[in-house]
C-alpha cells in the first residue's frame, strides 16, 4: 500500500514527463484498478507487454525522483511549514505548490 501511494505521488509530479501511452497504462492500472490482463485486452497488447510497460513506468518515476528529488523536497518543505507560527508566512509558503 505504501508503494502505491508513493508511486501515485510521483505520478502527480512527473506524470507529464511520461508518454501519453505510459500515462494511460499507469492510470488504468493504478487509478482504474485494471489488471495486466484487462489492460492487455483493452489495448490489444500481450499481458507480458502490459506488465513490462508498467515496470518501465515505475522505474522511470523512481529514477526521476532519485535525480530531481522534487517529492523529497516537497515533503521536507511541508514539515518546515508545519512548524511555522507566522500565519501569513505559512500561507504564502503553502501557496507555492
N, C-alpha and C. Protein backbone atom coordinates (compact mmCIF):
# COMPACT_ATOMS: atom_id res chain seq x y z
N UNK A 1 0.82 -1.19 0.00
CA UNK A 1 0.00 0.00 0.00
C UNK A 1 0.87 1.26 0.00
N UNK A 2 1.94 1.25 0.77
CA UNK A 2 2.83 2.39 0.83
C UNK A 2 3.45 2.68 -0.53
N UNK A 3 3.84 1.62 -1.25
CA UNK A 3 4.42 1.78 -2.58
C UNK A 3 3.41 2.41 -3.53
N UNK A 4 2.17 1.98 -3.43
CA UNK A 4 1.10 2.51 -4.28
C UNK A 4 0.94 4.02 -4.07
N UNK A 5 0.91 4.45 -2.83
CA UNK A 5 0.76 5.87 -2.51
C UNK A 5 1.98 6.65 -3.01
N UNK A 6 3.16 6.09 -2.79
CA UNK A 6 4.39 6.74 -3.23
C UNK A 6 4.41 6.91 -4.75
N UNK A 7 4.07 5.85 -5.48
CA UNK A 7 4.05 5.93 -6.94
C UNK A 7 3.00 6.92 -7.44
N UNK A 8 1.87 6.98 -6.78
CA UNK A 8 0.84 7.96 -7.15
C UNK A 8 1.34 9.39 -6.92
N UNK A 9 2.05 9.60 -5.83
CA UNK A 9 2.62 10.92 -5.57
C UNK A 9 3.66 11.29 -6.63
N UNK A 10 4.49 10.33 -7.00
CA UNK A 10 5.48 10.58 -8.04
C UNK A 10 4.81 10.85 -9.37
N UNK A 11 3.73 10.12 -9.65
CA UNK A 11 3.00 10.34 -10.90
C UNK A 11 2.40 11.74 -10.94
N UNK A 12 1.90 12.22 -9.81
CA UNK A 12 1.36 13.58 -9.75
C UNK A 12 2.42 14.61 -10.14
N UNK A 13 3.66 14.34 -9.76
CA UNK A 13 4.75 15.28 -10.03
C UNK A 13 5.32 15.08 -11.44
N UNK A 14 5.63 13.83 -11.78
CA UNK A 14 6.39 13.55 -13.00
C UNK A 14 5.55 12.97 -14.15
N UNK A 15 4.26 12.77 -13.93
CA UNK A 15 3.43 12.13 -14.95
C UNK A 15 3.46 12.82 -16.30
N UNK A 16 3.59 14.13 -16.31
CA UNK A 16 3.63 14.87 -17.57
C UNK A 16 4.87 14.54 -18.39
N UNK A 17 5.87 13.95 -17.77
CA UNK A 17 7.09 13.58 -18.48
C UNK A 17 7.00 12.20 -19.14
N UNK A 18 5.92 11.48 -18.87
CA UNK A 18 5.70 10.18 -19.49
C UNK A 18 5.00 10.37 -20.83
N UNK A 19 5.12 9.37 -21.69
CA UNK A 19 4.39 9.42 -22.95
C UNK A 19 2.90 9.27 -22.67
N UNK A 20 2.07 9.65 -23.62
CA UNK A 20 0.61 9.52 -23.45
C UNK A 20 0.24 8.05 -23.20
N UNK A 21 0.89 7.14 -23.89
CA UNK A 21 0.60 5.72 -23.71
C UNK A 21 0.98 5.26 -22.30
N UNK A 22 2.13 5.72 -21.82
CA UNK A 22 2.56 5.38 -20.47
C UNK A 22 1.59 5.96 -19.44
N UNK A 23 1.15 7.18 -19.66
CA UNK A 23 0.18 7.79 -18.75
C UNK A 23 -1.10 6.97 -18.72
N UNK A 24 -1.55 6.53 -19.89
CA UNK A 24 -2.77 5.74 -19.99
C UNK A 24 -2.62 4.43 -19.23
N UNK A 25 -1.54 3.70 -19.45
CA UNK A 25 -1.33 2.41 -18.77
C UNK A 25 -1.25 2.60 -17.26
N UNK A 26 -0.52 3.63 -16.84
CA UNK A 26 -0.39 3.89 -15.41
C UNK A 26 -1.76 4.16 -14.80
N UNK A 27 -2.52 5.04 -15.43
CA UNK A 27 -3.83 5.40 -14.91
C UNK A 27 -4.80 4.22 -14.91
N UNK A 28 -4.73 3.40 -15.94
CA UNK A 28 -5.60 2.21 -15.99
C UNK A 28 -5.28 1.26 -14.83
N UNK A 29 -4.00 1.07 -14.57
CA UNK A 29 -3.59 0.11 -13.54
C UNK A 29 -3.77 0.69 -12.13
N UNK A 30 -3.29 1.90 -11.90
CA UNK A 30 -3.28 2.45 -10.54
C UNK A 30 -4.55 3.22 -10.17
N UNK A 31 -5.19 3.86 -11.14
CA UNK A 31 -6.39 4.64 -10.82
C UNK A 31 -7.67 3.85 -11.07
N UNK A 32 -7.69 3.13 -12.18
CA UNK A 32 -8.90 2.40 -12.57
C UNK A 32 -8.89 0.94 -12.11
N UNK A 33 -7.78 0.53 -11.49
CA UNK A 33 -7.68 -0.81 -10.90
C UNK A 33 -7.81 -1.95 -11.91
N UNK A 34 -7.38 -1.72 -13.16
CA UNK A 34 -7.41 -2.79 -14.15
C UNK A 34 -6.21 -3.70 -13.94
N UNK A 35 -6.38 -4.98 -14.22
CA UNK A 35 -5.28 -5.94 -14.12
C UNK A 35 -4.44 -5.88 -15.40
N UNK A 36 -3.29 -6.56 -15.37
CA UNK A 36 -2.45 -6.63 -16.57
C UNK A 36 -3.24 -7.23 -17.73
N UNK A 37 -4.00 -8.26 -17.42
CA UNK A 37 -4.81 -8.92 -18.45
C UNK A 37 -5.87 -8.01 -19.03
N UNK A 38 -6.53 -7.24 -18.17
CA UNK A 38 -7.56 -6.31 -18.64
C UNK A 38 -6.96 -5.20 -19.50
N UNK A 39 -5.79 -4.72 -19.10
CA UNK A 39 -5.10 -3.69 -19.89
C UNK A 39 -4.71 -4.28 -21.25
N UNK A 40 -4.20 -5.49 -21.23
CA UNK A 40 -3.77 -6.12 -22.49
C UNK A 40 -4.95 -6.31 -23.44
N UNK A 41 -6.09 -6.70 -22.92
CA UNK A 41 -7.28 -6.86 -23.75
C UNK A 41 -7.77 -5.52 -24.29
N UNK A 42 -7.80 -4.54 -23.43
CA UNK A 42 -8.33 -3.22 -23.81
C UNK A 42 -7.48 -2.55 -24.88
N UNK A 43 -6.15 -2.73 -24.82
CA UNK A 43 -5.25 -2.05 -25.75
C UNK A 43 -4.60 -2.99 -26.76
N UNK A 44 -5.09 -4.21 -26.81
CA UNK A 44 -4.65 -5.20 -27.80
C UNK A 44 -3.13 -5.42 -27.76
N UNK A 45 -2.62 -5.62 -26.56
CA UNK A 45 -1.22 -5.96 -26.36
C UNK A 45 -1.17 -7.23 -25.51
N UNK A 46 0.00 -7.84 -25.44
CA UNK A 46 0.10 -9.05 -24.62
C UNK A 46 0.11 -8.68 -23.14
N UNK A 47 -0.25 -9.64 -22.32
CA UNK A 47 -0.24 -9.42 -20.88
C UNK A 47 1.18 -9.09 -20.42
N UNK A 48 2.15 -9.78 -21.00
CA UNK A 48 3.55 -9.54 -20.67
C UNK A 48 3.97 -8.12 -21.05
N UNK A 49 3.46 -7.62 -22.16
CA UNK A 49 3.79 -6.25 -22.59
C UNK A 49 3.23 -5.24 -21.60
N UNK A 50 2.01 -5.47 -21.12
CA UNK A 50 1.43 -4.54 -20.14
C UNK A 50 2.23 -4.58 -18.84
N UNK A 51 2.65 -5.77 -18.43
CA UNK A 51 3.47 -5.91 -17.22
C UNK A 51 4.79 -5.16 -17.39
N UNK A 52 5.46 -5.38 -18.53
CA UNK A 52 6.75 -4.73 -18.78
C UNK A 52 6.61 -3.21 -18.84
N UNK A 53 5.56 -2.74 -19.50
CA UNK A 53 5.35 -1.29 -19.60
C UNK A 53 5.19 -0.66 -18.22
N UNK A 54 4.41 -1.30 -17.36
CA UNK A 54 4.21 -0.76 -16.02
C UNK A 54 5.50 -0.79 -15.21
N UNK A 55 6.31 -1.80 -15.39
CA UNK A 55 7.61 -1.84 -14.71
C UNK A 55 8.51 -0.72 -15.20
N UNK A 56 8.51 -0.49 -16.52
CA UNK A 56 9.31 0.59 -17.10
C UNK A 56 8.84 1.94 -16.56
N UNK A 57 7.54 2.12 -16.48
CA UNK A 57 6.97 3.38 -15.96
C UNK A 57 7.38 3.59 -14.51
N UNK A 58 7.25 2.55 -13.69
CA UNK A 58 7.63 2.64 -12.28
C UNK A 58 9.11 3.02 -12.15
N UNK A 59 9.96 2.35 -12.93
CA UNK A 59 11.39 2.63 -12.87
C UNK A 59 11.69 4.06 -13.31
N UNK A 60 10.97 4.53 -14.31
CA UNK A 60 11.18 5.90 -14.78
C UNK A 60 10.78 6.91 -13.71
N UNK A 61 9.64 6.69 -13.06
CA UNK A 61 9.21 7.59 -11.99
C UNK A 61 10.21 7.60 -10.84
N UNK A 62 10.68 6.41 -10.45
CA UNK A 62 11.65 6.31 -9.36
C UNK A 62 12.98 6.96 -9.74
N UNK A 63 13.38 6.80 -10.99
CA UNK A 63 14.63 7.38 -11.48
C UNK A 63 14.54 8.91 -11.49
N UNK A 64 13.41 9.43 -11.94
CA UNK A 64 13.23 10.88 -11.95
C UNK A 64 13.29 11.44 -10.53
N UNK A 65 12.67 10.76 -9.59
CA UNK A 65 12.71 11.23 -8.20
C UNK A 65 14.12 11.14 -7.63
N UNK A 66 14.82 10.07 -7.99
CA UNK A 66 16.20 9.91 -7.50
C UNK A 66 17.08 11.06 -7.99
N UNK A 67 16.85 11.49 -9.22
CA UNK A 67 17.67 12.55 -9.79
C UNK A 67 17.22 13.95 -9.38
N UNK A 68 15.91 14.18 -9.36
CA UNK A 68 15.39 15.53 -9.13
C UNK A 68 14.95 15.80 -7.69
N UNK A 69 14.54 14.76 -7.00
CA UNK A 69 14.14 14.83 -5.58
C UNK A 69 13.05 15.87 -5.29
N UNK A 70 12.13 16.06 -6.21
CA UNK A 70 11.07 17.03 -6.01
C UNK A 70 10.12 16.58 -4.90
N UNK A 71 9.73 15.31 -4.90
CA UNK A 71 8.84 14.82 -3.85
C UNK A 71 9.51 14.93 -2.48
N UNK A 72 10.78 14.54 -2.40
CA UNK A 72 11.53 14.62 -1.14
C UNK A 72 11.56 16.07 -0.64
N UNK A 73 11.86 17.01 -1.52
CA UNK A 73 11.94 18.41 -1.14
C UNK A 73 10.57 18.94 -0.73
N UNK A 74 9.53 18.50 -1.41
CA UNK A 74 8.18 18.93 -1.07
C UNK A 74 7.81 18.44 0.34
N UNK A 75 8.15 17.21 0.66
CA UNK A 75 7.87 16.66 2.00
C UNK A 75 8.65 17.41 3.07
N UNK A 76 9.91 17.74 2.79
CA UNK A 76 10.72 18.49 3.74
C UNK A 76 10.15 19.88 3.95
N UNK A 77 9.73 20.51 2.86
CA UNK A 77 9.14 21.84 2.96
C UNK A 77 7.84 21.80 3.75
N UNK A 78 7.02 20.78 3.54
CA UNK A 78 5.79 20.64 4.32
C UNK A 78 6.08 20.51 5.81
N UNK A 79 7.11 19.77 6.14
CA UNK A 79 7.48 19.61 7.55
C UNK A 79 7.91 20.94 8.16
N UNK A 80 8.64 21.73 7.39
CA UNK A 80 9.07 23.05 7.87
C UNK A 80 7.86 23.97 8.03
N UNK A 81 6.97 23.95 7.04
CA UNK A 81 5.77 24.79 7.10
C UNK A 81 4.92 24.46 8.32
N UNK A 82 4.82 23.18 8.64
CA UNK A 82 4.03 22.76 9.80
C UNK A 82 4.53 23.37 11.11
N UNK A 83 5.80 23.72 11.15
CA UNK A 83 6.39 24.27 12.37
C UNK A 83 6.44 25.79 12.40
N UNK A 84 5.89 26.44 11.39
CA UNK A 84 5.90 27.90 11.34
C UNK A 84 4.68 28.44 12.07
N UNK A 85 4.91 29.42 12.95
CA UNK A 85 3.82 30.02 13.71
C UNK A 85 3.20 31.22 12.99
N UNK A 86 3.99 31.92 12.18
CA UNK A 86 3.51 33.10 11.46
C UNK A 86 2.50 32.67 10.38
N UNK A 87 1.22 33.00 10.59
CA UNK A 87 0.15 32.57 9.70
C UNK A 87 0.30 33.07 8.27
N UNK A 88 0.74 34.32 8.11
CA UNK A 88 0.90 34.90 6.78
C UNK A 88 2.00 34.19 6.01
N UNK A 89 3.14 34.01 6.65
CA UNK A 89 4.26 33.32 6.02
C UNK A 89 3.88 31.88 5.68
N UNK A 90 3.22 31.22 6.61
CA UNK A 90 2.79 29.84 6.40
C UNK A 90 1.88 29.75 5.18
N UNK A 91 0.94 30.66 5.07
CA UNK A 91 0.01 30.68 3.95
C UNK A 91 0.72 30.92 2.62
N UNK A 92 1.67 31.85 2.62
CA UNK A 92 2.43 32.14 1.40
C UNK A 92 3.25 30.94 0.96
N UNK A 93 3.86 30.24 1.90
CA UNK A 93 4.67 29.07 1.56
C UNK A 93 3.79 27.92 1.06
N UNK A 94 2.63 27.74 1.66
CA UNK A 94 1.71 26.69 1.22
C UNK A 94 1.21 26.94 -0.20
N UNK A 95 1.09 28.19 -0.57
CA UNK A 95 0.61 28.53 -1.90
C UNK A 95 1.66 28.35 -2.99
N UNK A 96 2.90 28.06 -2.61
CA UNK A 96 3.95 27.83 -3.59
C UNK A 96 3.70 26.55 -4.40
N UNK A 97 3.01 25.60 -3.79
CA UNK A 97 2.74 24.34 -4.51
C UNK A 97 1.38 23.88 -4.32
